N, C-alpha and C. Protein backbone atom coordinates (compact mmCIF):
# COMPACT_ATOMS: atom_id res chain seq x y z
N MET A 1 0.84 -1.19 0.00
CA MET A 1 0.00 0.00 0.00
C MET A 1 0.88 1.25 0.00
N TYR A 2 0.38 2.31 -0.61
CA TYR A 2 1.10 3.56 -0.63
C TYR A 2 0.09 4.70 -0.63
N ASN A 3 0.51 5.83 -0.07
CA ASN A 3 -0.33 7.02 -0.06
C ASN A 3 0.21 8.00 -1.07
N VAL A 4 -0.70 8.82 -1.63
CA VAL A 4 -0.33 9.77 -2.67
C VAL A 4 -0.78 11.16 -2.25
N GLN A 5 0.07 12.15 -2.50
CA GLN A 5 -0.27 13.55 -2.24
C GLN A 5 0.02 14.35 -3.50
N ASN A 6 -0.99 15.07 -4.01
CA ASN A 6 -0.80 15.93 -5.17
C ASN A 6 -0.54 17.36 -4.72
N TYR A 7 0.33 18.06 -5.45
CA TYR A 7 0.67 19.43 -5.12
C TYR A 7 0.41 20.34 -6.31
N SER A 8 -0.03 21.57 -6.03
CA SER A 8 -0.19 22.56 -7.09
C SER A 8 1.14 23.23 -7.36
N MET A 9 1.24 23.93 -8.51
CA MET A 9 2.47 24.64 -8.84
C MET A 9 2.80 25.70 -7.79
N ASN A 10 1.78 26.42 -7.28
CA ASN A 10 2.04 27.46 -6.29
C ASN A 10 2.62 26.87 -5.01
N GLU A 11 2.07 25.74 -4.58
CA GLU A 11 2.57 25.11 -3.37
C GLU A 11 4.01 24.67 -3.55
N ILE A 12 4.30 24.09 -4.73
CA ILE A 12 5.66 23.65 -5.00
C ILE A 12 6.63 24.83 -5.02
N ALA A 13 6.25 25.91 -5.70
CA ALA A 13 7.13 27.07 -5.80
C ALA A 13 7.42 27.66 -4.43
N ASN A 14 6.39 27.80 -3.60
CA ASN A 14 6.59 28.37 -2.27
C ASN A 14 7.50 27.51 -1.43
N THR A 15 7.32 26.19 -1.53
CA THR A 15 8.14 25.29 -0.74
C THR A 15 9.58 25.31 -1.20
N LEU A 16 9.81 25.33 -2.53
CA LEU A 16 11.16 25.34 -3.05
C LEU A 16 11.90 26.60 -2.65
N ILE A 17 11.21 27.73 -2.65
CA ILE A 17 11.87 29.00 -2.38
C ILE A 17 12.02 29.26 -0.89
N PHE A 18 10.95 29.05 -0.14
CA PHE A 18 10.93 29.45 1.27
C PHE A 18 10.96 28.28 2.25
N GLY A 19 10.81 27.07 1.78
CA GLY A 19 10.69 25.95 2.70
C GLY A 19 9.25 25.83 3.17
N GLU A 20 9.02 25.01 4.16
CA GLU A 20 7.67 24.84 4.69
C GLU A 20 7.16 26.18 5.22
N THR A 21 5.90 26.49 4.95
CA THR A 21 5.34 27.79 5.31
C THR A 21 4.91 27.81 6.77
N HIS A 22 5.87 27.58 7.65
CA HIS A 22 5.61 27.68 9.08
C HIS A 22 5.40 29.16 9.42
N PRO A 23 4.46 29.48 10.33
CA PRO A 23 4.20 30.88 10.68
C PRO A 23 5.45 31.65 11.07
N ASP A 24 6.37 31.01 11.81
CA ASP A 24 7.60 31.69 12.21
C ASP A 24 8.45 32.05 10.99
N THR A 25 8.45 31.17 9.99
CA THR A 25 9.21 31.45 8.77
C THR A 25 8.64 32.66 8.05
N ILE A 26 7.32 32.71 7.93
CA ILE A 26 6.67 33.83 7.25
C ILE A 26 6.96 35.14 7.98
N MET A 27 6.85 35.15 9.32
CA MET A 27 7.10 36.36 10.08
C MET A 27 8.54 36.82 9.92
N LYS A 28 9.48 35.87 9.90
CA LYS A 28 10.89 36.22 9.76
C LYS A 28 11.16 36.85 8.41
N LEU A 29 10.58 36.28 7.36
CA LEU A 29 10.76 36.83 6.02
C LEU A 29 10.18 38.23 5.91
N GLN A 30 8.96 38.40 6.47
CA GLN A 30 8.33 39.72 6.43
C GLN A 30 9.19 40.75 7.15
N SER A 31 9.74 40.37 8.29
CA SER A 31 10.56 41.28 9.07
C SER A 31 11.81 41.68 8.30
N GLN A 32 12.42 40.69 7.63
CA GLN A 32 13.64 40.98 6.88
C GLN A 32 13.38 41.97 5.76
N PHE A 33 12.26 41.83 5.07
CA PHE A 33 11.96 42.73 3.96
C PHE A 33 11.53 44.11 4.44
N GLU A 34 10.76 44.16 5.54
CA GLU A 34 10.28 45.44 6.04
C GLU A 34 11.42 46.29 6.58
N ASN A 35 12.44 45.63 7.16
CA ASN A 35 13.54 46.36 7.78
C ASN A 35 14.77 46.42 6.88
N ARG A 36 14.60 46.12 5.62
CA ARG A 36 15.71 46.08 4.68
C ARG A 36 16.26 47.50 4.49
N PRO A 37 17.52 47.75 4.80
CA PRO A 37 18.10 49.10 4.66
C PRO A 37 18.06 49.56 3.21
N ILE A 38 17.81 50.85 3.04
CA ILE A 38 17.75 51.42 1.70
C ILE A 38 19.09 51.28 0.98
N ILE A 39 20.18 51.30 1.76
CA ILE A 39 21.50 51.24 1.15
C ILE A 39 21.70 49.97 0.34
N LEU A 40 20.94 48.91 0.65
CA LEU A 40 21.09 47.64 -0.08
C LEU A 40 20.71 47.78 -1.55
N ASP A 41 19.97 48.85 -1.88
CA ASP A 41 19.61 49.05 -3.28
C ASP A 41 20.86 49.26 -4.14
N GLN A 42 21.97 49.67 -3.50
CA GLN A 42 23.19 49.90 -4.26
C GLN A 42 23.80 48.60 -4.77
N TYR A 43 23.33 47.51 -4.21
CA TYR A 43 23.97 46.24 -4.52
C TYR A 43 23.12 45.35 -5.42
N LYS A 44 22.28 45.99 -6.22
CA LYS A 44 21.42 45.22 -7.12
C LYS A 44 22.23 44.43 -8.15
N GLN A 45 23.47 44.91 -8.41
CA GLN A 45 24.27 44.22 -9.41
C GLN A 45 24.62 42.81 -8.97
N TYR A 46 24.48 42.54 -7.65
CA TYR A 46 24.81 41.21 -7.16
C TYR A 46 23.64 40.23 -7.30
N GLU A 47 22.47 40.76 -7.64
CA GLU A 47 21.29 39.90 -7.72
C GLU A 47 21.44 38.84 -8.81
N GLN A 48 21.93 39.26 -9.98
CA GLN A 48 22.07 38.31 -11.08
C GLN A 48 23.11 37.24 -10.74
N GLU A 49 24.15 37.65 -10.02
CA GLU A 49 25.16 36.67 -9.61
C GLU A 49 24.55 35.63 -8.70
N PHE A 50 23.69 36.09 -7.79
CA PHE A 50 23.02 35.15 -6.89
C PHE A 50 22.16 34.18 -7.69
N ILE A 51 21.40 34.71 -8.65
CA ILE A 51 20.53 33.87 -9.47
C ILE A 51 21.34 32.85 -10.24
N ASN A 52 22.46 33.30 -10.81
CA ASN A 52 23.31 32.38 -11.57
C ASN A 52 23.85 31.27 -10.69
N ASN A 53 24.29 31.63 -9.48
CA ASN A 53 24.81 30.62 -8.56
C ASN A 53 23.72 29.64 -8.15
N PHE A 54 22.52 30.18 -7.90
CA PHE A 54 21.41 29.31 -7.51
C PHE A 54 21.10 28.30 -8.61
N ASN A 55 21.02 28.81 -9.86
CA ASN A 55 20.73 27.92 -10.98
C ASN A 55 21.82 26.88 -11.16
N TYR A 56 23.06 27.28 -10.96
CA TYR A 56 24.19 26.37 -11.14
C TYR A 56 24.09 25.19 -10.18
N PHE A 57 23.81 25.48 -8.93
CA PHE A 57 23.75 24.40 -7.95
C PHE A 57 22.44 23.62 -8.02
N SER A 58 21.34 24.30 -8.33
CA SER A 58 20.04 23.62 -8.30
C SER A 58 19.85 22.69 -9.48
N ASN A 59 20.50 22.93 -10.61
CA ASN A 59 20.28 22.05 -11.75
C ASN A 59 21.25 20.88 -11.80
N GLY A 60 22.08 20.74 -10.78
CA GLY A 60 22.92 19.54 -10.67
C GLY A 60 24.27 19.67 -11.33
N ASN A 61 24.60 20.81 -11.95
CA ASN A 61 25.87 20.93 -12.64
C ASN A 61 27.06 20.73 -11.69
N ALA A 62 26.96 21.33 -10.52
CA ALA A 62 28.07 21.22 -9.57
C ALA A 62 28.26 19.77 -9.13
N ILE A 63 27.16 19.09 -8.89
CA ILE A 63 27.26 17.70 -8.44
C ILE A 63 27.81 16.83 -9.57
N ASN A 64 27.33 17.08 -10.78
CA ASN A 64 27.83 16.31 -11.92
C ASN A 64 29.34 16.50 -12.09
N ARG A 65 29.81 17.75 -11.95
CA ARG A 65 31.23 18.02 -12.11
C ARG A 65 32.03 17.32 -11.02
N ALA A 66 31.52 17.37 -9.80
CA ALA A 66 32.22 16.69 -8.69
C ALA A 66 32.29 15.19 -8.94
N ARG A 67 31.21 14.62 -9.43
CA ARG A 67 31.20 13.19 -9.70
C ARG A 67 32.19 12.84 -10.81
N ASP A 68 32.25 13.67 -11.85
CA ASP A 68 33.19 13.43 -12.94
C ASP A 68 34.64 13.44 -12.44
N ILE A 69 34.92 14.38 -11.53
CA ILE A 69 36.28 14.48 -11.00
C ILE A 69 36.63 13.24 -10.19
N VAL A 70 35.68 12.78 -9.39
CA VAL A 70 35.93 11.58 -8.58
C VAL A 70 36.22 10.38 -9.48
N LEU A 71 35.42 10.22 -10.53
CA LEU A 71 35.60 9.08 -11.44
C LEU A 71 36.93 9.19 -12.20
N LYS A 72 37.32 10.42 -12.55
CA LYS A 72 38.53 10.62 -13.34
C LYS A 72 39.79 10.37 -12.53
N TYR A 73 39.79 10.83 -11.27
CA TYR A 73 41.00 10.77 -10.47
C TYR A 73 40.96 9.70 -9.38
N ALA A 74 40.08 8.73 -9.53
CA ALA A 74 40.02 7.64 -8.56
C ALA A 74 41.35 6.89 -8.56
N PRO A 75 41.76 6.36 -7.41
CA PRO A 75 43.03 5.60 -7.36
C PRO A 75 43.01 4.44 -8.33
N ASP A 76 44.22 4.06 -8.78
CA ASP A 76 44.33 2.97 -9.73
C ASP A 76 43.76 1.67 -9.18
N SER A 77 43.74 1.54 -7.85
CA SER A 77 43.22 0.32 -7.23
C SER A 77 41.72 0.20 -7.39
N CYS A 78 41.07 1.30 -7.77
CA CYS A 78 39.62 1.28 -7.95
C CYS A 78 39.29 0.96 -9.41
N SER A 79 38.65 -0.15 -9.63
CA SER A 79 38.25 -0.53 -10.98
C SER A 79 36.87 0.01 -11.27
N LYS A 80 36.46 -0.07 -12.51
CA LYS A 80 35.15 0.43 -12.89
C LYS A 80 34.04 -0.32 -12.17
N THR A 81 34.31 -1.57 -11.81
CA THR A 81 33.27 -2.34 -11.13
C THR A 81 32.93 -1.75 -9.77
N ASP A 82 33.83 -0.91 -9.23
CA ASP A 82 33.55 -0.28 -7.94
C ASP A 82 32.38 0.69 -8.06
N TYR A 83 32.02 1.09 -9.28
CA TYR A 83 30.98 2.08 -9.48
C TYR A 83 29.67 1.45 -9.95
N THR A 84 29.61 0.13 -9.90
CA THR A 84 28.39 -0.53 -10.35
C THR A 84 27.25 -0.35 -9.35
N ASN A 85 27.54 0.13 -8.16
CA ASN A 85 26.50 0.37 -7.17
C ASN A 85 25.95 1.79 -7.26
N TYR A 86 26.41 2.56 -8.24
CA TYR A 86 25.96 3.93 -8.39
C TYR A 86 24.85 4.04 -9.44
N VAL A 87 23.98 5.01 -9.24
CA VAL A 87 23.00 5.37 -10.26
C VAL A 87 23.66 6.36 -11.20
N LEU A 88 23.75 6.01 -12.47
CA LEU A 88 24.38 6.85 -13.47
C LEU A 88 23.52 6.89 -14.73
N PRO A 89 23.57 7.99 -15.50
CA PRO A 89 22.78 8.05 -16.73
C PRO A 89 23.39 7.16 -17.81
N LEU A 90 22.55 6.31 -18.39
CA LEU A 90 22.99 5.41 -19.47
C LEU A 90 22.33 5.88 -20.75
N ILE A 91 23.08 6.58 -21.58
CA ILE A 91 22.47 7.28 -22.71
C ILE A 91 22.91 6.74 -24.06
N THR A 92 23.39 5.49 -24.08
CA THR A 92 23.65 4.81 -25.35
C THR A 92 23.07 3.40 -25.26
N LEU A 93 22.84 2.79 -26.41
CA LEU A 93 22.34 1.42 -26.45
C LEU A 93 23.32 0.48 -25.77
N GLU A 94 24.61 0.63 -26.06
CA GLU A 94 25.63 -0.24 -25.46
C GLU A 94 25.65 -0.11 -23.95
N ASN A 95 25.55 1.13 -23.45
CA ASN A 95 25.51 1.34 -22.00
C ASN A 95 24.36 0.57 -21.36
N GLN A 96 23.21 0.65 -21.98
CA GLN A 96 22.03 0.02 -21.39
C GLN A 96 22.10 -1.50 -21.48
N GLN A 97 22.63 -2.01 -22.58
CA GLN A 97 22.74 -3.46 -22.73
C GLN A 97 23.74 -4.04 -21.73
N ASN A 98 24.67 -3.21 -21.26
CA ASN A 98 25.67 -3.66 -20.29
C ASN A 98 25.46 -2.99 -18.93
N ALA A 99 24.24 -2.67 -18.62
CA ALA A 99 23.92 -1.98 -17.37
C ALA A 99 24.26 -2.84 -16.16
N SER A 100 24.65 -2.16 -15.09
CA SER A 100 24.89 -2.87 -13.82
C SER A 100 23.56 -3.31 -13.24
N PRO A 101 23.57 -4.28 -12.33
CA PRO A 101 22.31 -4.71 -11.70
C PRO A 101 21.54 -3.56 -11.06
N VAL A 102 22.26 -2.58 -10.51
CA VAL A 102 21.58 -1.43 -9.92
C VAL A 102 20.78 -0.69 -10.98
N MET A 103 21.40 -0.40 -12.12
CA MET A 103 20.70 0.33 -13.17
C MET A 103 19.68 -0.54 -13.90
N GLN A 104 19.91 -1.85 -13.94
CA GLN A 104 18.91 -2.76 -14.52
C GLN A 104 17.58 -2.62 -13.79
N ARG A 105 17.67 -2.52 -12.48
CA ARG A 105 16.46 -2.36 -11.67
C ARG A 105 15.66 -1.14 -12.10
N TRP A 106 16.36 -0.02 -12.30
CA TRP A 106 15.65 1.22 -12.63
C TRP A 106 15.22 1.26 -14.08
N ILE A 107 15.99 0.67 -14.97
CA ILE A 107 15.57 0.58 -16.37
C ILE A 107 14.29 -0.23 -16.48
N MET A 108 14.22 -1.31 -15.74
CA MET A 108 13.05 -2.18 -15.81
C MET A 108 11.84 -1.60 -15.09
N ALA A 109 12.00 -0.44 -14.46
CA ALA A 109 10.86 0.27 -13.86
C ALA A 109 10.21 1.20 -14.86
N ASN A 110 10.86 1.42 -16.00
CA ASN A 110 10.32 2.26 -17.07
C ASN A 110 9.09 1.56 -17.66
N PRO A 111 7.91 2.19 -17.61
CA PRO A 111 6.70 1.52 -18.10
C PRO A 111 6.79 1.04 -19.54
N GLU A 112 7.55 1.76 -20.39
CA GLU A 112 7.64 1.38 -21.80
C GLU A 112 8.33 0.02 -21.96
N ILE A 113 9.49 -0.14 -21.35
CA ILE A 113 10.21 -1.40 -21.48
C ILE A 113 9.57 -2.48 -20.62
N ARG A 114 8.96 -2.08 -19.50
CA ARG A 114 8.33 -3.07 -18.63
C ARG A 114 7.11 -3.70 -19.31
N SER A 115 6.38 -2.89 -20.07
CA SER A 115 5.23 -3.42 -20.80
C SER A 115 5.67 -4.50 -21.79
N ILE A 116 6.77 -4.23 -22.48
CA ILE A 116 7.30 -5.22 -23.43
C ILE A 116 7.80 -6.46 -22.69
N TYR A 117 8.45 -6.22 -21.55
CA TYR A 117 8.97 -7.33 -20.74
C TYR A 117 7.86 -8.25 -20.26
N LEU A 118 6.77 -7.65 -19.80
CA LEU A 118 5.66 -8.45 -19.28
C LEU A 118 4.97 -9.25 -20.38
N LYS A 119 5.14 -8.81 -21.62
CA LYS A 119 4.61 -9.57 -22.77
C LYS A 119 5.64 -10.57 -23.30
N GLN A 120 6.77 -10.68 -22.58
CA GLN A 120 7.86 -11.60 -22.92
C GLN A 120 8.43 -11.33 -24.31
N ARG A 121 8.56 -10.03 -24.63
CA ARG A 121 9.07 -9.64 -25.94
C ARG A 121 10.47 -9.05 -25.87
N CYS A 122 11.08 -9.04 -24.68
CA CYS A 122 12.47 -8.60 -24.55
C CYS A 122 13.17 -9.49 -23.53
N ASP A 123 14.50 -9.43 -23.53
CA ASP A 123 15.29 -10.29 -22.65
C ASP A 123 15.11 -9.92 -21.18
N GLY A 124 15.06 -8.61 -20.92
CA GLY A 124 14.88 -8.17 -19.53
C GLY A 124 16.03 -8.56 -18.62
N TYR A 125 17.26 -8.50 -19.14
CA TYR A 125 18.43 -8.88 -18.35
C TYR A 125 18.20 -10.22 -17.66
N ASN A 126 17.83 -11.19 -18.46
CA ASN A 126 17.32 -12.46 -17.97
C ASN A 126 18.18 -13.12 -16.89
N GLU A 127 19.50 -13.00 -17.02
CA GLU A 127 20.38 -13.73 -16.10
C GLU A 127 20.68 -12.96 -14.81
N THR A 128 20.36 -11.68 -14.78
CA THR A 128 20.76 -10.87 -13.62
C THR A 128 19.64 -10.06 -12.98
N TYR A 129 18.54 -9.86 -13.69
CA TYR A 129 17.44 -9.06 -13.13
C TYR A 129 16.40 -9.97 -12.49
N THR A 130 15.96 -9.58 -11.30
CA THR A 130 14.91 -10.32 -10.60
C THR A 130 13.67 -9.46 -10.51
N ASN A 131 12.58 -9.95 -11.07
CA ASN A 131 11.31 -9.23 -11.03
C ASN A 131 10.60 -9.51 -9.71
N LEU A 132 10.66 -8.53 -8.81
CA LEU A 132 10.10 -8.72 -7.47
C LEU A 132 8.64 -8.32 -7.37
N TYR A 133 8.11 -7.70 -8.44
CA TYR A 133 6.77 -7.11 -8.32
C TYR A 133 5.81 -7.62 -9.38
N GLY A 134 6.05 -8.81 -9.89
CA GLY A 134 5.09 -9.46 -10.78
C GLY A 134 4.68 -8.61 -11.96
N ASN A 135 3.37 -8.46 -12.14
CA ASN A 135 2.82 -7.72 -13.28
C ASN A 135 2.59 -6.25 -12.99
N LYS A 136 3.08 -5.75 -11.87
CA LYS A 136 2.90 -4.34 -11.53
C LYS A 136 3.64 -3.46 -12.55
N ILE A 137 2.98 -2.38 -12.93
CA ILE A 137 3.57 -1.47 -13.90
C ILE A 137 3.10 -0.05 -13.63
N GLY A 138 3.93 0.92 -13.98
CA GLY A 138 3.56 2.32 -13.75
C GLY A 138 3.39 2.60 -12.27
N GLU A 139 2.39 3.36 -11.93
CA GLU A 139 2.18 3.80 -10.55
C GLU A 139 1.98 2.64 -9.58
N GLU A 140 1.56 1.50 -10.07
CA GLU A 140 1.38 0.35 -9.20
C GLU A 140 2.71 -0.34 -8.87
N HIS A 141 3.77 0.06 -9.56
CA HIS A 141 5.08 -0.57 -9.40
C HIS A 141 5.91 0.23 -8.41
N TYR A 142 6.39 -0.42 -7.37
CA TYR A 142 7.15 0.24 -6.30
C TYR A 142 8.35 1.01 -6.84
N ASP A 143 9.13 0.40 -7.72
CA ASP A 143 10.33 1.07 -8.23
C ASP A 143 9.97 2.30 -9.07
N TYR A 144 8.88 2.22 -9.82
CA TYR A 144 8.43 3.38 -10.58
C TYR A 144 8.09 4.54 -9.64
N ARG A 145 7.39 4.25 -8.56
CA ARG A 145 7.03 5.29 -7.61
C ARG A 145 8.27 5.90 -6.97
N ARG A 146 9.29 5.10 -6.75
CA ARG A 146 10.53 5.62 -6.18
C ARG A 146 11.16 6.66 -7.11
N VAL A 147 11.15 6.36 -8.41
CA VAL A 147 11.75 7.26 -9.39
C VAL A 147 10.92 8.53 -9.54
N MET A 148 9.61 8.40 -9.56
CA MET A 148 8.73 9.52 -9.88
C MET A 148 8.29 10.31 -8.66
N ASN A 149 8.73 9.94 -7.49
CA ASN A 149 8.32 10.63 -6.27
C ASN A 149 8.74 12.10 -6.30
N GLY A 150 7.76 13.01 -6.31
CA GLY A 150 8.04 14.44 -6.29
C GLY A 150 8.38 15.04 -7.64
N ILE A 151 8.33 14.25 -8.71
CA ILE A 151 8.67 14.72 -10.05
C ILE A 151 7.43 15.31 -10.73
N GLY A 152 7.59 16.44 -11.40
CA GLY A 152 6.49 17.07 -12.10
C GLY A 152 6.26 16.41 -13.45
N VAL A 153 5.00 16.12 -13.76
CA VAL A 153 4.63 15.49 -15.03
C VAL A 153 3.61 16.36 -15.74
N GLU A 154 3.91 16.74 -16.97
CA GLU A 154 3.00 17.59 -17.74
C GLU A 154 1.79 16.79 -18.19
N GLN A 155 0.60 17.35 -17.97
CA GLN A 155 -0.64 16.71 -18.35
C GLN A 155 -1.08 17.17 -19.75
N GLU A 156 -2.10 16.53 -20.28
CA GLU A 156 -2.58 16.86 -21.62
C GLU A 156 -3.06 18.30 -21.73
N ASN A 157 -3.58 18.84 -20.64
CA ASN A 157 -4.08 20.22 -20.67
C ASN A 157 -2.98 21.26 -20.42
N GLY A 158 -1.74 20.79 -20.32
CA GLY A 158 -0.61 21.70 -20.12
C GLY A 158 -0.23 21.92 -18.68
N ASP A 159 -1.09 21.52 -17.74
CA ASP A 159 -0.76 21.65 -16.32
C ASP A 159 0.34 20.67 -15.96
N ILE A 160 1.06 20.99 -14.90
CA ILE A 160 2.09 20.10 -14.39
C ILE A 160 1.67 19.61 -13.01
N ASP A 161 1.56 18.31 -12.86
CA ASP A 161 1.18 17.70 -11.59
C ASP A 161 2.41 17.13 -10.90
N PHE A 162 2.53 17.44 -9.62
CA PHE A 162 3.58 16.88 -8.79
C PHE A 162 2.93 15.88 -7.84
N VAL A 163 3.45 14.68 -7.81
CA VAL A 163 2.88 13.64 -6.96
C VAL A 163 3.95 13.14 -6.00
N GLN A 164 3.58 13.06 -4.73
CA GLN A 164 4.49 12.50 -3.75
C GLN A 164 3.90 11.20 -3.22
N TYR A 165 4.70 10.14 -3.27
CA TYR A 165 4.27 8.83 -2.79
C TYR A 165 4.87 8.59 -1.41
N PHE A 166 4.01 8.16 -0.51
CA PHE A 166 4.47 7.92 0.85
C PHE A 166 4.63 6.42 1.06
N ASP A 167 5.60 5.85 0.35
CA ASP A 167 5.88 4.43 0.48
C ASP A 167 6.71 4.15 1.72
N GLU A 168 6.47 3.00 2.32
CA GLU A 168 7.40 2.50 3.33
C GLU A 168 8.52 1.82 2.58
N LEU A 169 9.74 2.32 2.74
CA LEU A 169 10.86 1.81 1.98
C LEU A 169 11.15 0.35 2.33
N VAL A 170 11.46 -0.40 1.29
CA VAL A 170 11.87 -1.78 1.48
C VAL A 170 13.20 -1.80 2.24
N GLU A 171 13.39 -2.79 3.08
CA GLU A 171 14.62 -2.89 3.86
C GLU A 171 15.84 -2.85 2.94
N GLY A 172 16.78 -1.99 3.28
CA GLY A 172 17.99 -1.84 2.47
C GLY A 172 17.90 -0.70 1.48
N ASP A 173 16.71 -0.19 1.20
CA ASP A 173 16.53 0.92 0.29
C ASP A 173 16.72 2.25 1.02
N ARG A 174 16.97 3.29 0.25
CA ARG A 174 17.02 4.66 0.76
C ARG A 174 16.33 5.54 -0.27
N GLU A 175 16.02 6.76 0.11
CA GLU A 175 15.41 7.70 -0.83
C GLU A 175 16.41 8.04 -1.92
N LEU A 176 15.96 8.09 -3.15
CA LEU A 176 16.80 8.53 -4.25
C LEU A 176 17.00 10.04 -4.16
N THR A 177 18.19 10.50 -4.51
CA THR A 177 18.41 11.94 -4.58
C THR A 177 17.79 12.47 -5.87
N LEU A 178 17.60 13.79 -5.94
CA LEU A 178 17.05 14.39 -7.15
C LEU A 178 17.96 14.13 -8.35
N LEU A 179 19.26 14.18 -8.13
CA LEU A 179 20.20 13.90 -9.22
C LEU A 179 20.05 12.46 -9.71
N GLU A 180 19.90 11.53 -8.80
CA GLU A 180 19.71 10.13 -9.19
C GLU A 180 18.41 9.95 -9.96
N GLN A 181 17.35 10.61 -9.50
CA GLN A 181 16.08 10.54 -10.24
C GLN A 181 16.25 11.08 -11.65
N THR A 182 16.98 12.20 -11.77
CA THR A 182 17.22 12.80 -13.08
C THR A 182 18.02 11.86 -13.97
N ASP A 183 19.04 11.22 -13.42
CA ASP A 183 19.84 10.27 -14.19
C ASP A 183 18.98 9.10 -14.69
N ILE A 184 18.09 8.62 -13.84
CA ILE A 184 17.21 7.52 -14.24
C ILE A 184 16.25 7.97 -15.33
N LEU A 185 15.68 9.16 -15.17
CA LEU A 185 14.74 9.66 -16.17
C LEU A 185 15.42 9.89 -17.51
N ASN A 186 16.66 10.37 -17.49
CA ASN A 186 17.41 10.51 -18.73
C ASN A 186 17.67 9.15 -19.37
N THR A 187 17.93 8.16 -18.53
CA THR A 187 18.10 6.79 -19.02
C THR A 187 16.81 6.28 -19.65
N TRP A 188 15.68 6.57 -19.00
CA TRP A 188 14.38 6.17 -19.55
C TRP A 188 14.15 6.82 -20.91
N ASN A 189 14.50 8.08 -21.04
CA ASN A 189 14.31 8.77 -22.32
C ASN A 189 15.11 8.08 -23.42
N THR A 190 16.33 7.66 -23.08
CA THR A 190 17.14 6.95 -24.06
C THR A 190 16.51 5.61 -24.41
N THR A 191 16.02 4.89 -23.42
CA THR A 191 15.36 3.61 -23.67
C THR A 191 14.18 3.80 -24.61
N ASN A 192 13.37 4.80 -24.34
CA ASN A 192 12.18 5.06 -25.16
C ASN A 192 12.57 5.42 -26.59
N MET A 193 13.65 6.17 -26.73
CA MET A 193 14.13 6.52 -28.07
C MET A 193 14.58 5.27 -28.82
N ILE A 194 15.32 4.40 -28.15
CA ILE A 194 15.77 3.15 -28.77
C ILE A 194 14.58 2.33 -29.23
N LEU A 195 13.57 2.23 -28.38
CA LEU A 195 12.39 1.42 -28.71
C LEU A 195 11.63 2.00 -29.90
N SER A 196 11.66 3.32 -30.03
CA SER A 196 10.89 3.95 -31.10
C SER A 196 11.63 3.95 -32.44
N LEU A 197 12.96 3.91 -32.41
CA LEU A 197 13.74 4.05 -33.63
C LEU A 197 14.31 2.74 -34.18
N TRP A 198 14.63 1.83 -33.29
CA TRP A 198 15.33 0.62 -33.71
C TRP A 198 14.62 -0.63 -33.21
N GLU A 199 15.14 -1.77 -33.63
CA GLU A 199 14.60 -3.06 -33.19
C GLU A 199 15.52 -3.71 -32.16
N ASP A 200 16.54 -2.98 -31.73
CA ASP A 200 17.47 -3.52 -30.75
C ASP A 200 16.83 -3.62 -29.38
N ASP A 201 17.23 -4.65 -28.65
CA ASP A 201 16.73 -4.85 -27.29
C ASP A 201 17.71 -4.22 -26.31
N PRO A 202 17.34 -3.10 -25.66
CA PRO A 202 18.26 -2.44 -24.73
C PRO A 202 18.51 -3.26 -23.48
N THR A 203 17.75 -4.33 -23.27
CA THR A 203 17.91 -5.15 -22.06
C THR A 203 18.61 -6.47 -22.35
N SER A 204 19.23 -6.59 -23.51
CA SER A 204 19.93 -7.81 -23.89
C SER A 204 21.43 -7.58 -23.92
N SER A 205 22.15 -8.22 -23.03
CA SER A 205 23.61 -8.08 -23.01
C SER A 205 24.26 -8.75 -24.20
N ASP A 206 23.52 -9.62 -24.90
CA ASP A 206 24.04 -10.30 -26.09
C ASP A 206 23.75 -9.51 -27.38
N GLY A 207 23.09 -8.35 -27.24
CA GLY A 207 22.81 -7.54 -28.40
C GLY A 207 21.69 -8.06 -29.28
N ASP A 208 20.75 -8.79 -28.68
CA ASP A 208 19.65 -9.37 -29.45
C ASP A 208 18.68 -8.29 -29.91
N LYS A 209 17.87 -8.66 -30.88
CA LYS A 209 16.79 -7.81 -31.35
C LYS A 209 15.52 -8.11 -30.56
N LEU A 210 14.60 -7.18 -30.60
CA LEU A 210 13.31 -7.39 -29.96
C LEU A 210 12.48 -8.39 -30.74
């Protein structure tokens, strides 16, 4: 069982900018703006710098760069297999066909490939992937909810819905970071592109066709 909470765009924006709208938080913000010295108007040139820094950190660029540095300068004793426990974006067919068990789990949570898998039309990492959730797909699938928790999805009418799932985490699991969710979603986009353009099976380590 899982609980679902939908959020409006205004609620999301307020939370992202100010945090939870606790009365003390609101009063503190009001006080800061009401007592703001006029002299601060001289420093408007710093506003754009602040915005640029905020965007830099919030869109994951800094984290991505840090991760790249770690991978590049890791000690020689660390082999690539040491990173198989990480969530990373797999944006080529070869990457996906040779995905680590960790990424296999998240690839197989993609409704597009999972639908094909449940119809027994793809390999589904047959020798290494374990299907723990039977015929569950999309929102009914635990791993899908983990990936999509708090992610905005554009609806047919143009609105964006944010859904938060209140799952009890399976033992050994932890919450995915926003960067990890983004990496998985980018991987899903690549999977969907492969399925739409080619007949290759992204879940076959032997390079089989669908």
